Amino acid sequence: MSRTALILRHVSFEDLGHWKSVLESADYTLEYIDNGVVELDNRDPLAPDLVIVLGGPISVNDTLGYPFLCETQRFLRKRLELGMPTLGICLGAQLMAQALGGEVLPQPRVEIGFKTLSLSSAGYLGPLKHLEGVPVLHWHGERFTLPEGATVLAATDVCSVQGFSVGNTLMGLQFHPEVEADGFERWLIGHTLELARANISPQNLRQQALLSASLLKEAGQKLLRDWLAGLSS
């Protein structure tokens, strides 16, 4: 029987990437909505079997400039309070962490590029185990504190909470395990001003993506398959 997955997207090129085929193989019917364009207050947050909140270039704290973020928080809180399956990536993870009572704060420096994670003991025992030794994409200038009741899954030298979980049904990942090489040029074009401000070479990022893409695709898809399997355990 088909299940429904609602995908909250903030910019068109930060999509499901190679996770799309995993979800479709697991019999999920996918519905993208452009967050901030579609009013979430008109949607039932408990209706989808799964909600995935994707990344984007805005700060969760800029509610004055982007009032829809308050609407997103209301939508997420209703799901998270009941532990309904919800997964966040980068901005999505920050929105989840904030909705669960964590704080989103500036980092000492921007973290952009491909590098490996340091997994916690819980990370080694869960779906993130597939990412051990695999360079994943990091693209953020803010971090979040661990919400009360959550378990830290991974860290880097710049960011002490790169992922968290609450039970088997809630997971937030600061990094991008979904990104694929075929669409990566859109990231470089879409974030050109941020790369210039951070003095980061698009040529170097492009080369990193080419070197890491096949490993990340295999590991990232295994991660999602394991997490989805855990929803019914």
Protein backbone atom coordinates (compact mmCIF):
# COMPACT_ATOMS: atom_id res chain seq x y z
CA MET A 1 0.00 0.00 0.00
CA SER A 2 1.45 3.38 -1.02
CA ARG A 3 2.40 5.84 1.69
CA THR A 4 2.66 9.61 1.41
CA ALA A 5 5.81 11.70 1.85
CA LEU A 6 5.52 15.48 1.98
CA ILE A 7 8.75 17.23 0.97
CA LEU A 8 9.25 20.82 2.16
CA ARG A 9 11.62 22.49 -0.33
CA HIS A 10 13.19 25.95 0.00
CA VAL A 11 15.23 26.26 -3.20
CA SER A 12 14.66 24.15 -6.30
CA PHE A 13 18.17 22.71 -6.60
CA GLU A 14 18.28 21.43 -3.01
CA ASP A 15 15.97 18.51 -3.70
CA LEU A 16 15.88 14.85 -2.69
CA GLY A 17 18.79 13.96 -4.96
CA HIS A 18 19.48 10.24 -4.92
CA TRP A 19 17.02 9.74 -2.07
CA LYS A 20 14.12 10.08 -4.50
CA SER A 21 14.58 6.58 -5.93
CA VAL A 22 14.87 5.07 -2.44
CA LEU A 23 11.57 6.60 -1.35
CA GLU A 24 9.81 5.54 -4.54
CA SER A 25 11.16 1.99 -4.15
CA ALA A 26 9.71 1.98 -0.64
CA ASP A 27 6.27 2.81 -2.14
CA TYR A 28 6.11 6.42 -1.03
CA THR A 29 4.11 8.85 -3.13
CA LEU A 30 6.10 12.09 -3.12
CA GLU A 31 4.63 15.57 -2.94
CA TYR A 32 6.96 18.55 -3.09
CA ILE A 33 5.74 21.88 -1.81
CA ASP A 34 7.71 25.11 -1.92
CA ASN A 35 7.90 26.23 1.67
CA GLY A 36 7.08 29.91 2.01
CA VAL A 37 4.98 29.83 -1.16
CA VAL A 38 2.41 27.25 -0.07
CA GLU A 39 0.74 28.10 3.26
CA LEU A 40 1.39 25.30 5.73
CA ASP A 41 -1.35 26.55 8.02
CA ASN A 42 -3.74 25.21 5.39
CA ARG A 43 -2.19 21.74 5.56
CA ASP A 44 -2.82 19.01 8.11
CA PRO A 45 0.62 18.28 9.61
CA LEU A 46 -0.51 14.84 10.73
CA ALA A 47 -1.79 13.69 7.33
CA PRO A 48 1.49 12.66 5.60
CA ASP A 49 3.07 9.37 6.62
CA LEU A 50 6.47 11.06 6.34
CA VAL A 51 7.68 14.67 6.19
CA ILE A 52 11.15 15.57 4.90
CA VAL A 53 12.36 19.16 5.37
CA LEU A 54 15.14 20.06 2.94
CA GLY A 55 17.93 22.62 3.12
CA GLY A 56 18.10 26.25 2.09
CA PRO A 57 20.19 29.42 2.44
CA ILE A 58 18.14 31.29 5.06
CA SER A 59 18.54 31.40 8.84
CA VAL A 60 15.82 29.88 10.99
CA ASN A 61 16.16 32.92 13.25
CA ASP A 62 15.26 35.41 10.52
CA THR A 63 11.53 35.26 11.16
CA LEU A 64 11.18 39.02 10.57
CA GLY A 65 12.48 38.71 7.02
CA TYR A 66 10.85 35.33 6.39
CA PRO A 67 7.62 35.11 8.45
CA PHE A 68 6.74 31.70 6.95
CA LEU A 69 9.36 30.20 9.28
CA CYS A 70 6.92 30.68 12.17
CA GLU A 71 4.30 28.78 10.19
CA THR A 72 6.83 26.01 9.56
CA GLN A 73 7.54 25.76 13.29
CA ARG A 74 3.84 25.39 14.09
CA PHE A 75 3.52 22.67 11.45
CA LEU A 76 6.55 20.77 12.71
CA ARG A 77 5.76 21.01 16.42
CA LYS A 78 2.44 19.23 15.94
CA ARG A 79 4.20 16.31 14.21
CA LEU A 80 7.21 16.20 16.51
CA GLU A 81 5.10 16.22 19.67
CA LEU A 82 3.54 12.96 18.49
CA GLY A 83 6.79 11.50 17.17
CA MET A 84 5.43 11.22 13.65
CA PRO A 85 8.13 10.30 11.09
CA THR A 86 10.03 13.46 10.22
CA LEU A 87 13.49 13.92 8.73
CA GLY A 88 15.38 17.20 8.31
CA ILE A 89 18.46 18.08 6.28
CA CYS A 90 20.61 21.15 7.05
CA LEU A 91 18.05 23.99 7.37
CA GLY A 92 15.44 21.27 7.89
CA ALA A 93 17.43 19.82 10.78
CA GLN A 94 17.82 23.28 12.30
CA LEU A 95 14.07 23.85 12.06
CA MET A 96 13.43 20.50 13.74
CA ALA A 97 15.98 21.18 16.49
CA GLN A 98 14.43 24.58 17.20
CA ALA A 99 10.91 23.14 17.24
CA LEU A 100 12.12 20.58 19.80
CA GLY A 101 13.55 23.30 22.05
CA GLY A 102 17.13 23.54 20.80
CA GLU A 103 18.92 26.75 19.80
CA VAL A 104 20.32 27.67 16.38
CA LEU A 105 23.49 29.74 16.67
CA PRO A 106 26.25 31.12 14.41
CA GLN A 107 29.31 28.92 13.96
CA PRO A 108 32.89 30.18 14.44
CA ARG A 109 33.38 29.68 10.70
CA VAL A 110 31.40 28.54 7.68
CA GLU A 111 31.63 24.82 6.96
CA ILE A 112 31.42 24.19 3.20
CA GLY A 113 32.92 21.18 1.46
CA PHE A 114 33.18 17.41 1.57
CA LYS A 115 34.65 15.73 4.65
CA THR A 116 34.00 12.76 6.90
CA LEU A 117 32.02 12.68 10.13
CA SER A 118 32.99 11.55 13.59
CA LEU A 119 30.19 9.17 14.55
CA SER A 120 29.01 8.81 18.13
CA SER A 121 28.37 5.35 19.61
CA ALA A 122 24.69 5.79 18.74
CA GLY A 123 25.67 6.83 15.23
CA TYR A 124 27.68 3.63 14.77
CA LEU A 125 24.71 1.55 15.87
CA GLY A 126 22.16 3.25 13.60
CA PRO A 127 21.68 4.17 9.94
CA LEU A 128 24.62 6.59 9.94
CA LYS A 129 27.02 3.66 10.24
CA HIS A 130 27.04 3.52 6.43
CA LEU A 131 28.73 6.94 6.37
CA GLU A 132 31.82 5.89 8.32
CA GLY A 133 34.83 7.13 6.37
CA VAL A 134 32.68 8.59 3.58
CA PRO A 135 33.10 12.32 2.77
CA VAL A 136 29.71 14.03 2.98
CA LEU A 137 28.73 17.53 1.90
CA HIS A 138 28.66 20.27 4.53
CA TRP A 139 27.17 23.66 3.65
CA HIS A 140 26.21 25.79 6.62
CA GLY A 141 27.25 28.74 8.74
CA GLU A 142 25.02 28.00 11.73
CA ARG A 143 24.74 25.11 14.15
CA PHE A 144 22.15 23.85 16.62
CA THR A 145 22.28 22.66 20.19
CA LEU A 146 21.07 19.17 21.01
CA PRO A 147 17.37 19.26 21.96
CA GLU A 148 16.36 17.75 25.30
CA GLY A 149 15.70 14.04 24.92
CA ALA A 150 17.60 13.78 21.63
CA THR A 151 20.67 11.65 20.93
CA VAL A 152 23.70 13.03 19.11
CA LEU A 153 24.72 10.92 16.11
CA ALA A 154 27.75 12.66 14.61
CA ALA A 155 30.09 15.65 14.82
CA THR A 156 32.91 17.41 12.99
CA ASP A 157 35.73 19.62 14.25
CA VAL A 158 33.61 22.70 13.46
CA CYS A 159 30.17 21.47 14.53
CA SER A 160 29.61 19.33 17.63
CA VAL A 161 26.10 18.17 16.63
CA GLN A 162 26.00 17.10 12.99
CA GLY A 163 23.02 14.83 13.50
CA PHE A 164 20.47 13.83 16.12
CA SER A 165 17.62 11.41 16.58
CA VAL A 166 14.64 11.06 18.87
CA GLY A 167 13.60 7.44 18.93
CA ASN A 168 13.28 5.74 15.55
CA THR A 169 11.00 8.32 13.95
CA LEU A 170 12.72 11.72 14.18
CA MET A 171 16.12 12.51 12.68
CA GLY A 172 17.89 15.75 11.83
CA LEU A 173 21.12 15.86 9.81
CA GLN A 174 23.14 19.06 9.51
CA PHE A 175 25.05 17.71 6.50
CA HIS A 176 23.79 16.61 3.06
CA PRO A 177 23.75 12.83 2.46
CA GLU A 178 21.27 13.20 -0.41
CA VAL A 179 23.31 15.30 -2.84
CA GLU A 180 24.31 13.79 -6.17
CA ALA A 181 26.97 14.75 -8.69
CA ASP A 182 24.57 15.23 -11.61
CA GLY A 183 22.87 18.21 -9.97
CA PHE A 184 25.81 19.66 -8.07
CA GLU A 185 26.57 22.38 -10.59
CA ARG A 186 23.22 23.94 -9.68
CA TRP A 187 24.46 24.26 -6.09
CA LEU A 188 27.60 26.08 -7.24
CA ILE A 189 25.58 28.48 -9.39
CA GLY A 190 22.84 29.03 -6.81
CA HIS A 191 25.27 29.72 -3.95
CA THR A 192 27.86 31.71 -5.92
CA LEU A 193 27.68 34.77 -3.63
CA GLU A 194 28.10 32.69 -0.49
CA LEU A 195 31.12 30.90 -1.99
CA ALA A 196 32.69 34.23 -2.95
CA ARG A 197 32.13 35.68 0.56
CA ALA A 198 33.71 32.58 2.12
CA ASN A 199 36.58 32.63 -0.41
CA ILE A 200 35.82 29.04 -1.43
CA SER A 201 36.71 27.88 -4.92
CA PRO A 202 33.87 26.32 -6.95
CA GLN A 203 36.53 24.42 -8.89
CA ASN A 204 37.70 22.68 -5.72
CA LEU A 205 34.14 21.86 -4.65
CA ARG A 206 33.36 20.51 -8.11
CA GLN A 207 36.39 18.22 -7.93
CA GLN A 208 35.48 17.05 -4.42
CA ALA A 209 31.98 16.20 -5.62
CA LEU A 210 33.32 14.13 -8.52
CA LEU A 211 35.64 12.19 -6.20
CA SER A 212 33.03 11.59 -3.48
CA ALA A 213 29.82 11.15 -5.48
CA SER A 214 29.72 7.39 -6.00
CA LEU A 215 30.68 6.57 -2.40
CA LEU A 216 28.20 9.08 -1.00
CA LYS A 217 25.37 7.86 -3.21
CA GLU A 218 25.76 4.24 -2.09
CA ALA A 219 26.20 5.13 1.59
CA GLY A 220 23.47 7.79 1.60
CA GLN A 221 20.93 5.47 0.04
CA LYS A 222 21.75 2.72 2.55
CA LEU A 223 21.30 5.24 5.38
CA LEU A 224 17.82 6.18 4.20
CA ARG A 225 16.76 2.56 3.58
CA ASP A 226 17.79 1.61 7.10
CA TRP A 227 16.01 4.60 8.63
CA LEU A 228 12.81 3.90 6.72
CA ALA A 229 12.95 0.23 7.75
CA GLY A 230 13.25 1.35 11.38
CA LEU A 231 9.99 3.26 11.20
CA SER A 232 8.07 0.00 11.28
CA SER A 233 10.21 -1.77 13.87
